[in-house]
PDB file of N, CA and C in Angstrom:
ATOM      1  N   UNK A   1       0.846  -1.172   0.000  1.00  0.00           N
ATOM      2  CA  UNK A   1       0.000   0.000   0.000  1.00  0.00           C
ATOM      3  C   UNK A   1       0.896   1.241   0.000  1.00  0.00           C
ATOM      4  N   UNK A   2       0.558   2.203  -0.824  1.00  0.00           N
ATOM      5  CA  UNK A   2       1.322   3.445  -0.907  1.00  0.00           C
ATOM      6  C   UNK A   2       0.691   4.504  -0.019  1.00  0.00           C
ATOM      7  N   UNK A   3       1.547   5.313   0.615  1.00  0.00           N
ATOM      8  CA  UNK A   3       1.022   6.426   1.398  1.00  0.00           C
ATOM      9  C   UNK A   3       0.658   7.565   0.451  1.00  0.00           C
ATOM     10  N   UNK A   4      -0.281   8.385   0.891  1.00  0.00           N
ATOM     11  CA  UNK A   4      -0.689   9.554   0.100  1.00  0.00           C
ATOM     12  C   UNK A   4      -0.131  10.814   0.765  1.00  0.00           C
ATOM     13  N   UNK A   5      -0.146  11.898   0.039  1.00  0.00           N
ATOM     14  CA  UNK A   5       0.310  13.172   0.598  1.00  0.00           C
ATOM     15  C   UNK A   5      -0.545  13.552   1.805  1.00  0.00           C
ATOM     16  N   UNK A   6      -1.831  13.295   1.726  1.00  0.00           N
ATOM     17  CA  UNK A   6      -2.740  13.606   2.841  1.00  0.00           C
ATOM     18  C   UNK A   6      -2.385  12.762   4.071  1.00  0.00           C
ATOM     19  N   UNK A   7      -2.121  11.486   3.860  1.00  0.00           N
ATOM     20  CA  UNK A   7      -1.731  10.587   4.937  1.00  0.00           C
ATOM     21  C   UNK A   7      -0.427  11.061   5.584  1.00  0.00           C
ATOM     22  N   UNK A   8       0.551  11.414   4.751  1.00  0.00           N
ATOM     23  CA  UNK A   8       1.845  11.871   5.258  1.00  0.00           C
ATOM     24  C   UNK A   8       1.701  13.163   6.062  1.00  0.00           C
ATOM     25  N   UNK A   9       0.866  14.076   5.593  1.00  0.00           N
ATOM     26  CA  UNK A   9       0.654  15.338   6.302  1.00  0.00           C
ATOM     27  C   UNK A   9      -0.058  15.100   7.634  1.00  0.00           C
ATOM     28  N   UNK A  10      -1.012  14.194   7.646  1.00  0.00           N
ATOM     29  CA  UNK A  10      -1.726  13.873   8.886  1.00  0.00           C
ATOM     30  C   UNK A  10      -0.749  13.362   9.943  1.00  0.00           C
ATOM     31  N   UNK A  11       0.181  12.515   9.534  1.00  0.00           N
ATOM     32  CA  UNK A  11       1.182  11.991  10.461  1.00  0.00           C
ATOM     33  C   UNK A  11       2.104  13.113  10.931  1.00  0.00           C
ATOM     34  N   UNK A  12       2.512  13.991  10.032  1.00  0.00           N
ATOM     35  CA  UNK A  12       3.443  15.073  10.367  1.00  0.00           C
ATOM     36  C   UNK A  12       2.896  16.001  11.447  1.00  0.00           C
ATOM     37  N   UNK A  13       1.595  16.277  11.423  1.00  0.00           N
ATOM     38  CA  UNK A  13       1.012  17.232  12.374  1.00  0.00           C
ATOM     39  C   UNK A  13       0.465  16.565  13.637  1.00  0.00           C
ATOM     40  N   UNK A  14       0.429  15.252  13.680  1.00  0.00           N
ATOM     41  CA  UNK A  14      -0.015  14.528  14.867  1.00  0.00           C
ATOM     42  C   UNK A  14       1.013  14.737  15.982  1.00  0.00           C
ATOM     43  N   UNK A  15       0.543  14.920  17.203  1.00  0.00           N
ATOM     44  CA  UNK A  15       1.491  15.131  18.296  1.00  0.00           C
ATOM     45  C   UNK A  15       1.930  13.798  18.889  1.00  0.00           C
ATOM     46  N   UNK A  16       3.197  13.757  19.268  1.00  0.00           N
ATOM     47  CA  UNK A  16       3.724  12.563  19.933  1.00  0.00           C
ATOM     48  C   UNK A  16       2.968  12.327  21.241  1.00  0.00           C
ATOM     49  N   UNK A  17       2.632  13.411  21.943  1.00  0.00           N
ATOM     50  CA  UNK A  17       1.920  13.301  23.224  1.00  0.00           C
ATOM     51  C   UNK A  17       0.572  12.601  23.077  1.00  0.00           C
ATOM     52  N   UNK A  18      -0.063  12.730  21.925  1.00  0.00           N
ATOM     53  CA  UNK A  18      -1.368  12.095  21.724  1.00  0.00           C
ATOM     54  C   UNK A  18      -1.236  10.589  21.485  1.00  0.00           C
ATOM     55  N   UNK A  19      -0.078  10.150  21.039  1.00  0.00           N
ATOM     56  CA  UNK A  19       0.130   8.738  20.704  1.00  0.00           C
ATOM     57  C   UNK A  19       0.837   7.971  21.827  1.00  0.00           C
ATOM     58  N   UNK A  20       1.707   8.651  22.554  1.00  0.00           N
ATOM     59  CA  UNK A  20       2.507   7.987  23.583  1.00  0.00           C
ATOM     60  C   UNK A  20       1.671   7.182  24.582  1.00  0.00           C
ATOM     61  N   UNK A  21       0.552   7.728  25.114  1.00  0.00           N
ATOM     62  CA  UNK A  21      -0.244   6.921  26.066  1.00  0.00           C
ATOM     63  C   UNK A  21      -0.741   5.604  25.453  1.00  0.00           C
ATOM     64  N   UNK A  22      -0.994   5.602  24.161  1.00  0.00           N
ATOM     65  CA  UNK A  22      -1.435   4.376  23.491  1.00  0.00           C
ATOM     66  C   UNK A  22      -0.298   3.362  23.417  1.00  0.00           C
ATOM     67  N   UNK A  23       0.913   3.847  23.188  1.00  0.00           N
ATOM     68  CA  UNK A  23       2.082   2.968  23.211  1.00  0.00           C
ATOM     69  C   UNK A  23       2.222   2.323  24.595  1.00  0.00           C
ATOM     70  N   UNK A  24       2.101   3.153  25.640  1.00  0.00           N
ATOM     71  CA  UNK A  24       2.235   2.656  27.015  1.00  0.00           C
ATOM     72  C   UNK A  24       1.171   1.596  27.298  1.00  0.00           C
ATOM     73  N   UNK A  25      -0.071   1.902  26.971  1.00  0.00           N
ATOM     74  CA  UNK A  25      -1.165   0.959  27.206  1.00  0.00           C
ATOM     75  C   UNK A  25      -0.923  -0.352  26.468  1.00  0.00           C
ATOM     76  N   UNK A  26      -0.509  -0.261  25.223  1.00  0.00           N
ATOM     77  CA  UNK A  26      -0.282  -1.451  24.404  1.00  0.00           C
ATOM     78  C   UNK A  26       0.771  -2.367  25.019  1.00  0.00           C
ATOM     79  N   UNK A  27       1.893  -1.805  25.432  1.00  0.00           N
ATOM     80  CA  UNK A  27       2.958  -2.669  25.958  1.00  0.00           C
ATOM     81  C   UNK A  27       2.615  -3.210  27.343  1.00  0.00           C
ATOM     82  N   UNK A  28       1.963  -2.408  28.164  1.00  0.00           N
ATOM     83  CA  UNK A  28       1.600  -2.876  29.507  1.00  0.00           C
ATOM     84  C   UNK A  28       0.563  -3.990  29.430  1.00  0.00           C
ATOM     85  N   UNK A  29      -0.399  -3.877  28.513  1.00  0.00           N
ATOM     86  CA  UNK A  29      -1.405  -4.931  28.348  1.00  0.00           C
ATOM     87  C   UNK A  29      -0.773  -6.254  27.934  1.00  0.00           C
ATOM     88  N   UNK A  30       0.410  -6.177  27.329  1.00  0.00           N
ATOM     89  CA  UNK A  30       1.098  -7.386  26.869  1.00  0.00           C
ATOM     90  C   UNK A  30       2.234  -7.783  27.813  1.00  0.00           C
ATOM     91  N   UNK A  31       2.129  -7.304  29.070  1.00  0.00           N
ATOM     92  CA  UNK A  31       3.080  -7.664  30.126  1.00  0.00           C
ATOM     93  C   UNK A  31       4.504  -7.195  29.870  1.00  0.00           C
ATOM     94  N   UNK A  32       4.652  -6.075  29.185  1.00  0.00           N
ATOM     95  CA  UNK A  32       5.948  -5.418  29.062  1.00  0.00           C
ATOM     96  C   UNK A  32       5.877  -4.158  29.919  1.00  0.00           C
ATOM     97  N   UNK A  33       6.973  -3.458  30.069  1.00  0.00           N
ATOM     98  CA  UNK A  33       6.988  -2.317  30.974  1.00  0.00           C
ATOM     99  C   UNK A  33       7.189  -0.997  30.229  1.00  0.00           C
ATOM    100  N   UNK A  34       6.802   0.083  30.895  1.00  0.00           N
ATOM    101  CA  UNK A  34       7.037   1.407  30.337  1.00  0.00           C
ATOM    102  C   UNK A  34       8.539   1.661  30.235  1.00  0.00           C
ATOM    103  N   UNK A  35       9.310   1.126  31.159  1.00  0.00           N
ATOM    104  CA  UNK A  35      10.770   1.256  31.117  1.00  0.00           C
ATOM    105  C   UNK A  35      11.321   0.637  29.836  1.00  0.00           C
ATOM    106  N   UNK A  36      10.801  -0.521  29.449  1.00  0.00           N
ATOM    107  CA  UNK A  36      11.240  -1.158  28.200  1.00  0.00           C
ATOM    108  C   UNK A  36      10.836  -0.302  27.002  1.00  0.00           C
ATOM    109  N   UNK A  37       9.649   0.271  27.056  1.00  0.00           N
ATOM    110  CA  UNK A  37       9.193   1.158  25.984  1.00  0.00           C
ATOM    111  C   UNK A  37      10.126   2.360  25.851  1.00  0.00           C
ATOM    112  N   UNK A  38      10.480   2.965  26.970  1.00  0.00           N
ATOM    113  CA  UNK A  38      11.385   4.108  26.951  1.00  0.00           C
ATOM    114  C   UNK A  38      12.752   3.720  26.391  1.00  0.00           C
ATOM    115  N   UNK A  39      13.198   2.510  26.709  1.00  0.00           N
ATOM    116  CA  UNK A  39      14.473   2.022  26.187  1.00  0.00           C
ATOM    117  C   UNK A  39      14.418   1.896  24.664  1.00  0.00           C
ATOM    118  N   UNK A  40      13.315   1.381  24.154  1.00  0.00           N
ATOM    119  CA  UNK A  40      13.138   1.221  22.713  1.00  0.00           C
ATOM    120  C   UNK A  40      13.108   2.598  22.023  1.00  0.00           C
ATOM    121  N   UNK A  41      12.375   3.541  22.605  1.00  0.00           N
ATOM    122  CA  UNK A  41      12.296   4.881  22.028  1.00  0.00           C
ATOM    123  C   UNK A  41      13.663   5.554  22.053  1.00  0.00           C
ATOM    124  N   UNK A  42      14.395   5.388  23.152  1.00  0.00           N
ATOM    125  CA  UNK A  42      15.727   5.986  23.234  1.00  0.00           C
ATOM    126  C   UNK A  42      16.667   5.368  22.205  1.00  0.00           C
ATOM    127  N   UNK A  43      16.572   4.058  22.009  1.00  0.00           N
ATOM    128  CA  UNK A  43      17.418   3.408  21.007  1.00  0.00           C
ATOM    129  C   UNK A  43      17.176   4.022  19.622  1.00  0.00           C
ATOM    130  N   UNK A  44      15.909   4.227  19.275  1.00  0.00           N
ATOM    131  CA  UNK A  44      15.579   4.741  17.954  1.00  0.00           C
ATOM    132  C   UNK A  44      15.916   6.224  17.799  1.00  0.00           C
ATOM    133  N   UNK A  45      15.611   7.028  18.825  1.00  0.00           N
ATOM    134  CA  UNK A  45      15.652   8.483  18.677  1.00  0.00           C
ATOM    135  C   UNK A  45      16.810   9.172  19.392  1.00  0.00           C
ATOM    136  N   UNK A  46      17.389   8.507  20.389  1.00  0.00           N
ATOM    137  CA  UNK A  46      18.417   9.140  21.212  1.00  0.00           C
ATOM    138  C   UNK A  46      17.843   9.950  22.361  1.00  0.00           C
ATOM    139  N   UNK A  47      16.511  10.018  22.491  1.00  0.00           N
ATOM    140  CA  UNK A  47      15.885  10.808  23.553  1.00  0.00           C
ATOM    141  C   UNK A  47      15.878  10.027  24.857  1.00  0.00           C
ATOM    142  N   UNK A  48      16.479  10.619  25.916  1.00  0.00           N
ATOM    143  CA  UNK A  48      16.370   9.992  27.227  1.00  0.00           C
ATOM    144  C   UNK A  48      15.004  10.344  27.822  1.00  0.00           C
ATOM    145  N   UNK A  49      14.722   9.811  28.988  1.00  0.00           N
ATOM    146  CA  UNK A  49      13.395   9.974  29.579  1.00  0.00           C
ATOM    147  C   UNK A  49      13.047  11.442  29.832  1.00  0.00           C
ATOM    148  N   UNK A  50      13.999  12.231  30.309  1.00  0.00           N
ATOM    149  CA  UNK A  50      13.689  13.634  30.595  1.00  0.00           C
ATOM    150  C   UNK A  50      13.429  14.432  29.310  1.00  0.00           C
ATOM    151  N   UNK A  51      14.193  14.173  28.264  1.00  0.00           N
ATOM    152  CA  UNK A  51      13.966  14.845  26.979  1.00  0.00           C
ATOM    153  C   UNK A  51      12.610  14.430  26.407  1.00  0.00           C
ATOM    154  N   UNK A  52      12.302  13.159  26.518  1.00  0.00           N
ATOM    155  CA  UNK A  52      11.023  12.652  26.026  1.00  0.00           C
ATOM    156  C   UNK A  52       9.867  13.325  26.766  1.00  0.00           C
ATOM    157  N   UNK A  53      10.003  13.457  28.073  1.00  0.00           N
ATOM    158  CA  UNK A  53       8.960  14.103  28.872  1.00  0.00           C
ATOM    159  C   UNK A  53       8.772  15.554  28.442  1.00  0.00           C
ATOM    160  N   UNK A  54       9.866  16.239  28.158  1.00  0.00           N
ATOM    161  CA  UNK A  54       9.790  17.638  27.697  1.00  0.00           C
ATOM    162  C   UNK A  54       9.062  17.731  26.352  1.00  0.00           C
ATOM    163  N   UNK A  55       9.368  16.808  25.455  1.00  0.00           N
ATOM    164  CA  UNK A  55       8.694  16.792  24.149  1.00  0.00           C
ATOM    165  C   UNK A  55       7.199  16.532  24.307  1.00  0.00           C
ATOM    166  N   UNK A  56       6.850  15.674  25.252  1.00  0.00           N
ATOM    167  CA  UNK A  56       5.438  15.390  25.533  1.00  0.00           C
ATOM    168  C   UNK A  56       4.766  16.636  26.096  1.00  0.00           C
ATOM    169  N   UNK A  57       5.406  17.279  27.066  1.00  0.00           N
ATOM    170  CA  UNK A  57       4.844  18.500  27.669  1.00  0.00           C
ATOM    171  C   UNK A  57       4.675  19.606  26.633  1.00  0.00           C
ATOM    172  N   UNK A  58       5.615  19.706  25.716  1.00  0.00           N
ATOM    173  CA  UNK A  58       5.561  20.735  24.671  1.00  0.00           C
ATOM    174  C   UNK A  58       4.604  20.380  23.539  1.00  0.00           C
ATOM    175  N   UNK A  59       4.044  19.173  23.597  1.00  0.00           N
ATOM    176  CA  UNK A  59       3.093  18.706  22.582  1.00  0.00           C
ATOM    177  C   UNK A  59       3.655  18.870  21.162  1.00  0.00           C
ATOM    178  N   UNK A  60       4.888  18.388  20.984  1.00  0.00           N
ATOM    179  CA  UNK A  60       5.524  18.505  19.668  1.00  0.00           C
ATOM    180  C   UNK A  60       4.863  17.567  18.665  1.00  0.00           C
ATOM    181  N   UNK A  61       4.871  17.999  17.425  1.00  0.00           N
ATOM    182  CA  UNK A  61       4.362  17.156  16.344  1.00  0.00           C
ATOM    183  C   UNK A  61       5.387  16.066  16.041  1.00  0.00           C
ATOM    184  N   UNK A  62       4.953  15.040  15.325  1.00  0.00           N
ATOM    185  CA  UNK A  62       5.904  14.014  14.905  1.00  0.00           C
ATOM    186  C   UNK A  62       6.976  14.625  14.008  1.00  0.00           C
ATOM    187  N   UNK A  63       6.597  15.640  13.236  1.00  0.00           N
ATOM    188  CA  UNK A  63       7.588  16.293  12.378  1.00  0.00           C
ATOM    189  C   UNK A  63       8.728  16.862  13.226  1.00  0.00           C
ATOM    190  N   UNK A  64       8.394  17.613  14.239  1.00  0.00           N
ATOM    191  CA  UNK A  64       9.433  18.192  15.107  1.00  0.00           C
ATOM    192  C   UNK A  64      10.137  17.107  15.913  1.00  0.00           C
ATOM    193  N   UNK A  65       9.380  16.135  16.386  1.00  0.00           N
ATOM    194  CA  UNK A  65       9.937  15.026  17.168  1.00  0.00           C
ATOM    195  C   UNK A  65      11.096  14.387  16.418  1.00  0.00           C
ATOM    196  N   UNK A  66      10.875  14.054  15.147  1.00  0.00           N
ATOM    197  CA  UNK A  66      11.925  13.382  14.385  1.00  0.00           C
ATOM    198  C   UNK A  66      12.972  14.355  13.843  1.00  0.00           C
ATOM    199  N   UNK A  67      12.641  15.640  13.741  1.00  0.00           N
ATOM    200  CA  UNK A  67      13.665  16.624  13.383  1.00  0.00           C
ATOM    201  C   UNK A  67      14.711  16.722  14.491  1.00  0.00           C
ATOM    202  N   UNK A  68      14.265  16.592  15.730  1.00  0.00           N
ATOM    203  CA  UNK A  68      15.170  16.697  16.873  1.00  0.00           C
ATOM    204  C   UNK A  68      15.856  15.375  17.207  1.00  0.00           C
ATOM    205  N   UNK A  69      15.341  14.284  16.684  1.00  0.00           N
ATOM    206  CA  UNK A  69      15.892  12.957  17.001  1.00  0.00           C
ATOM    207  C   UNK A  69      17.232  12.728  16.297  1.00  0.00           C
ATOM    208  N   UNK A  70      18.049  11.913  16.935  1.00  0.00           N
ATOM    209  CA  UNK A  70      19.274  11.408  16.303  1.00  0.00           C
ATOM    210  C   UNK A  70      18.999   9.941  16.010  1.00  0.00           C
ATOM    211  N   UNK A  71      18.439   9.692  14.840  1.00  0.00           N
ATOM    212  CA  UNK A  71      17.997   8.351  14.486  1.00  0.00           C
ATOM    213  C   UNK A  71      19.137   7.347  14.570  1.00  0.00           C
ATOM    214  N   UNK A  72      18.861   6.225  15.182  1.00  0.00           N
ATOM    215  CA  UNK A  72      19.868   5.165  15.308  1.00  0.00           C
ATOM    216  C   UNK A  72      20.336   4.746  13.917  1.00  0.00           C
ATOM    217  N   UNK A  73      21.655   4.577  13.730  1.00  0.00           N
ATOM    218  CA  UNK A  73      22.172   4.189  12.419  1.00  0.00           C
ATOM    219  C   UNK A  73      21.652   2.838  11.933  1.00  0.00           C
ATOM    220  N   UNK A  74      21.154   2.010  12.842  1.00  0.00           N
ATOM    221  CA  UNK A  74      20.605   0.712  12.452  1.00  0.00           C
ATOM    222  C   UNK A  74      19.097   0.742  12.215  1.00  0.00           C
ATOM    223  N   UNK A  75      18.491   1.918  12.258  1.00  0.00           N
ATOM    224  CA  UNK A  75      17.039   2.017  12.067  1.00  0.00           C
ATOM    225  C   UNK A  75      16.613   1.433  10.726  1.00  0.00           C
ATOM    226  N   UNK A  76      17.469   1.541   9.721  1.00  0.00           N
ATOM    227  CA  UNK A  76      17.128   1.010   8.395  1.00  0.00           C
ATOM    228  C   UNK A  76      16.932  -0.510   8.403  1.00  0.00           C
ATOM    229  N   UNK A  77      17.361  -1.168   9.478  1.00  0.00           N
ATOM    230  CA  UNK A  77      17.180  -2.618   9.597  1.00  0.00           C
ATOM    231  C   UNK A  77      15.770  -3.002  10.051  1.00  0.00           C
ATOM    232  N   UNK A  78      14.978  -2.003  10.427  1.00  0.00           N
ATOM    233  CA  UNK A  78      13.592  -2.255  10.840  1.00  0.00           C
ATOM    234  C   UNK A  78      12.784  -2.481   9.574  1.00  0.00           C
ATOM    235  N   UNK A  79      12.239  -3.662   9.449  1.00  0.00           N
ATOM    236  CA  UNK A  79      11.518  -4.038   8.236  1.00  0.00           C
ATOM    237  C   UNK A  79      10.207  -4.716   8.612  1.00  0.00           C
ATOM    238  N   UNK A  80       9.362  -4.884   7.632  1.00  0.00           N
ATOM    239  CA  UNK A  80       8.107  -5.584   7.857  1.00  0.00           C
ATOM    240  C   UNK A  80       6.906  -4.695   7.600  1.00  0.00           C
ATOM    241  N   UNK A  81       5.749  -5.212   7.971  1.00  0.00           N
ATOM    242  CA  UNK A  81       4.486  -4.514   7.737  1.00  0.00           C
ATOM    243  C   UNK A  81       3.948  -3.986   9.052  1.00  0.00           C
ATOM    244  N   UNK A  82       3.535  -2.729   9.031  1.00  0.00           N
ATOM    245  CA  UNK A  82       2.891  -2.118  10.193  1.00  0.00           C
ATOM    246  C   UNK A  82       1.774  -1.220   9.685  1.00  0.00           C
ATOM    247  N   UNK A  83       0.607  -1.354  10.272  1.00  0.00           N
ATOM    248  CA  UNK A  83      -0.567  -0.557   9.877  1.00  0.00           C
ATOM    249  C   UNK A  83      -0.871  -0.696   8.390  1.00  0.00           C
ATOM    250  N   UNK A  84      -0.582  -1.857   7.820  1.00  0.00           N
ATOM    251  CA  UNK A  84      -0.882  -2.119   6.422  1.00  0.00           C
ATOM    252  C   UNK A  84       0.164  -1.612   5.441  1.00  0.00           C
ATOM    253  N   UNK A  85       1.244  -1.049   5.948  1.00  0.00           N
ATOM    254  CA  UNK A  85       2.293  -0.501   5.089  1.00  0.00           C
ATOM    255  C   UNK A  85       3.594  -1.279   5.280  1.00  0.00           C
ATOM    256  N   UNK A  86       4.229  -1.651   4.185  1.00  0.00           N
ATOM    257  CA  UNK A  86       5.551  -2.284   4.247  1.00  0.00           C
ATOM    258  C   UNK A  86       6.559  -1.159   4.440  1.00  0.00           C
ATOM    259  N   UNK A  87       7.249  -1.184   5.565  1.00  0.00           N
ATOM    260  CA  UNK A  87       8.153  -0.097   5.933  1.00  0.00           C
ATOM    261  C   UNK A  87       9.181   0.186   4.845  1.00  0.00           C
ATOM    262  N   UNK A  88       9.739  -0.852   4.271  1.00  0.00           N
ATOM    263  CA  UNK A  88      10.783  -0.682   3.259  1.00  0.00           C
ATOM    264  C   UNK A  88      10.289   0.084   2.029  1.00  0.00           C
ATOM    265  N   UNK A  89       8.985   0.073   1.785  1.00  0.00           N
ATOM    266  CA  UNK A  89       8.417   0.693   0.589  1.00  0.00           C
ATOM    267  C   UNK A  89       7.928   2.129   0.810  1.00  0.00           C
ATOM    268  N   UNK A  90       7.961   2.607   2.055  1.00  0.00           N
ATOM    269  CA  UNK A  90       7.480   3.952   2.348  1.00  0.00           C
ATOM    270  C   UNK A  90       8.520   4.956   1.849  1.00  0.00           C
ATOM    271  N   UNK A  91       8.078   5.865   0.998  1.00  0.00           N
ATOM    272  CA  UNK A  91       8.994   6.838   0.398  1.00  0.00           C
ATOM    273  C   UNK A  91       9.163   8.092   1.240  1.00  0.00           C
ATOM    274  N   UNK A  92       8.105   8.541   1.903  1.00  0.00           N
ATOM    275  CA  UNK A  92       8.186   9.744   2.732  1.00  0.00           C
ATOM    276  C   UNK A  92       9.012   9.439   3.981  1.00  0.00           C
ATOM    277  N   UNK A  93      10.098  10.175   4.176  1.00  0.00           N
ATOM    278  CA  UNK A  93      11.039   9.889   5.259  1.00  0.00           C
ATOM    279  C   UNK A  93      10.400   9.981   6.641  1.00  0.00           C
ATOM    280  N   UNK A  94       9.606  11.016   6.893  1.00  0.00           N
ATOM    281  CA  UNK A  94       8.968  11.166   8.198  1.00  0.00           C
ATOM    282  C   UNK A  94       7.995  10.027   8.470  1.00  0.00           C
ATOM    283  N   UNK A  95       7.173   9.704   7.496  1.00  0.00           N
ATOM    284  CA  UNK A  95       6.221   8.607   7.666  1.00  0.00           C
ATOM    285  C   UNK A  95       6.975   7.307   7.953  1.00  0.00           C
ATOM    286  N   UNK A  96       8.078   7.099   7.275  1.00  0.00           N
ATOM    287  CA  UNK A  96       8.889   5.901   7.505  1.00  0.00           C
ATOM    288  C   UNK A  96       9.420   5.882   8.942  1.00  0.00           C
ATOM    289  N   UNK A  97       9.879   7.018   9.433  1.00  0.00           N
ATOM    290  CA  UNK A  97      10.416   7.087  10.793  1.00  0.00           C
ATOM    291  C   UNK A  97       9.335   6.808  11.836  1.00  0.00           C
ATOM    292  N   UNK A  98       8.149   7.355  11.620  1.00  0.00           N
ATOM    293  CA  UNK A  98       7.034   7.092  12.541  1.00  0.00           C
ATOM    294  C   UNK A  98       6.692   5.603  12.514  1.00  0.00           C
ATOM    295  N   UNK A  99       6.694   5.005  11.340  1.00  0.00           N
ATOM    296  CA  UNK A  99       6.399   3.569  11.233  1.00  0.00           C
ATOM    297  C   UNK A  99       7.509   2.718  11.842  1.00  0.00           C
ATOM    298  N   UNK A 100       8.754   3.200  11.808  1.00  0.00           N
ATOM    299  CA  UNK A 100       9.824   2.514  12.543  1.00  0.00           C
ATOM    300  C   UNK A 100       9.441   2.423  14.018  1.00  0.00           C
ATOM    301  N   UNK A 101       9.025   3.552  14.569  1.00  0.00           N
ATOM    302  CA  UNK A 101       8.646   3.588  15.979  1.00  0.00           C
ATOM    303  C   UNK A 101       7.460   2.674  16.242  1.00  0.00           C
ATOM    304  N   UNK A 102       6.447   2.744  15.400  1.00  0.00           N
ATOM    305  CA  UNK A 102       5.280   1.866  15.553  1.00  0.00           C
ATOM    306  C   UNK A 102       5.691   0.396  15.532  1.00  0.00           C
ATOM    307  N   UNK A 103       6.584   0.042  14.628  1.00  0.00           N
ATOM    308  CA  UNK A 103       7.023  -1.350  14.486  1.00  0.00           C
ATOM    309  C   UNK A 103       7.774  -1.810  15.724  1.00  0.00           C
ATOM    310  N   UNK A 104       8.637  -0.953  16.279  1.00  0.00           N
ATOM    311  CA  UNK A 104       9.363  -1.326  17.493  1.00  0.00           C
ATOM    312  C   UNK A 104       8.420  -1.533  18.669  1.00  0.00           C
ATOM    313  N   UNK A 105       7.438  -0.651  18.800  1.00  0.00           N
ATOM    314  CA  UNK A 105       6.444  -0.794  19.873  1.00  0.00           C
ATOM    315  C   UNK A 105       5.668  -2.096  19.676  1.00  0.00           C
ATOM    316  N   UNK A 106       5.303  -2.395  18.445  1.00  0.00           N
ATOM    317  CA  UNK A 106       4.581  -3.624  18.133  1.00  0.00           C
ATOM    318  C   UNK A 106       5.415  -4.854  18.485  1.00  0.00           C
ATOM    319  N   UNK A 107       6.685  -4.838  18.130  1.00  0.00           N
ATOM    320  CA  UNK A 107       7.566  -5.967  18.444  1.00  0.00           C
ATOM    321  C   UNK A 107       7.701  -6.147  19.951  1.00  0.00           C
ATOM    322  N   UNK A 108       7.803  -5.047  20.679  1.00  0.00           N
ATOM    323  CA  UNK A 108       7.882  -5.114  22.142  1.00  0.00           C
ATOM    324  C   UNK A 108       6.609  -5.737  22.702  1.00  0.00           C
ATOM    325  N   UNK A 109       5.467  -5.272  22.230  1.00  0.00           N
ATOM    326  CA  UNK A 109       4.180  -5.784  22.707  1.00  0.00           C
ATOM    327  C   UNK A 109       3.981  -7.259  22.352  1.00  0.00           C
ATOM    328  N   UNK A 110       4.576  -7.695  21.257  1.00  0.00           N
ATOM    329  CA  UNK A 110       4.432  -9.097  20.845  1.00  0.00           C
ATOM    330  C   UNK A 110       5.391 -10.028  21.580  1.00  0.00           C
ATOM    331  N   UNK A 111       6.201  -9.464  22.477  1.00  0.00           N
ATOM    332  CA  UNK A 111       7.066 -10.298  23.296  1.00  0.00           C
ATOM    333  C   UNK A 111       8.427 -10.601  22.707  1.00  0.00           C
ATOM    334  N   UNK A 112       8.782  -9.906  21.658  1.00  0.00           N
ATOM    335  CA  UNK A 112      10.093 -10.119  21.048  1.00  0.00           C
ATOM    336  C   UNK A 112      11.188  -9.761  22.054  1.00  0.00           C
ATOM    337  N   UNK A 113      12.288 -10.478  22.027  1.00  0.00           N
ATOM    338  CA  UNK A 113      13.391 -10.219  22.951  1.00  0.00           C
ATOM    339  C   UNK A 113      13.989  -8.853  22.675  1.00  0.00           C
ATOM    340  N   UNK A 114      14.349  -8.161  23.747  1.00  0.00           N
ATOM    341  CA  UNK A 114      14.875  -6.802  23.642  1.00  0.00           C
ATOM    342  C   UNK A 114      16.121  -6.747  22.754  1.00  0.00           C
ATOM    343  N   UNK A 115      17.006  -7.725  22.856  1.00  0.00           N
ATOM    344  CA  UNK A 115      18.220  -7.695  22.033  1.00  0.00           C
ATOM    345  C   UNK A 115      17.902  -7.835  20.543  1.00  0.00           C
ATOM    346  N   UNK A 116      16.764  -8.424  20.209  1.00  0.00           N
ATOM    347  CA  UNK A 116      16.350  -8.509  18.804  1.00  0.00           C
ATOM    348  C   UNK A 116      15.653  -7.238  18.332  1.00  0.00           C
ATOM    349  N   UNK A 117      14.953  -6.577  19.256  1.00  0.00           N
ATOM    350  CA  UNK A 117      14.287  -5.318  18.927  1.00  0.00           C
ATOM    351  C   UNK A 117      15.336  -4.240  18.674  1.00  0.00           C
ATOM    352  N   UNK A 118      16.332  -4.201  19.548  1.00  0.00           N
ATOM    353  CA  UNK A 118      17.385  -3.192  19.454  1.00  0.00           C
ATOM    354  C   UNK A 118      18.485  -3.723  18.547  1.00  0.00           C
ATOM    355  N   UNK A 119      18.222  -3.731  17.304  1.00  0.00           N
ATOM    356  CA  UNK A 119      19.061  -4.336  16.276  1.00  0.00           C
ATOM    357  C   UNK A 119      20.488  -3.960  16.399  1.00  0.00           C
TER     358      UNK A 119
END
């Protein structure tokens, strides 16, 4: 499935703060911890817990969130399908980065070992 310009723009203006509680709920329901979630986010973005909290308080958009991130050099190894989109085929860089994050959260919730998630 290909992303559209409208889809990409919707993701760009969505706030990280609006999505983060859903990530927390998802992993906790699957017997993982918020600490593990924070570890996964830090691996991908370089944001420690205090920086992440500041971004949440500031209600930054995903566009700004990933502009400030120092993406892990191994992020390109994140592959597969998430939300109906094959990550490798996503052309819009921001949308791809958001789907990287979604995929890592999904892998954590599915019980994948942390050393495999953190490629």
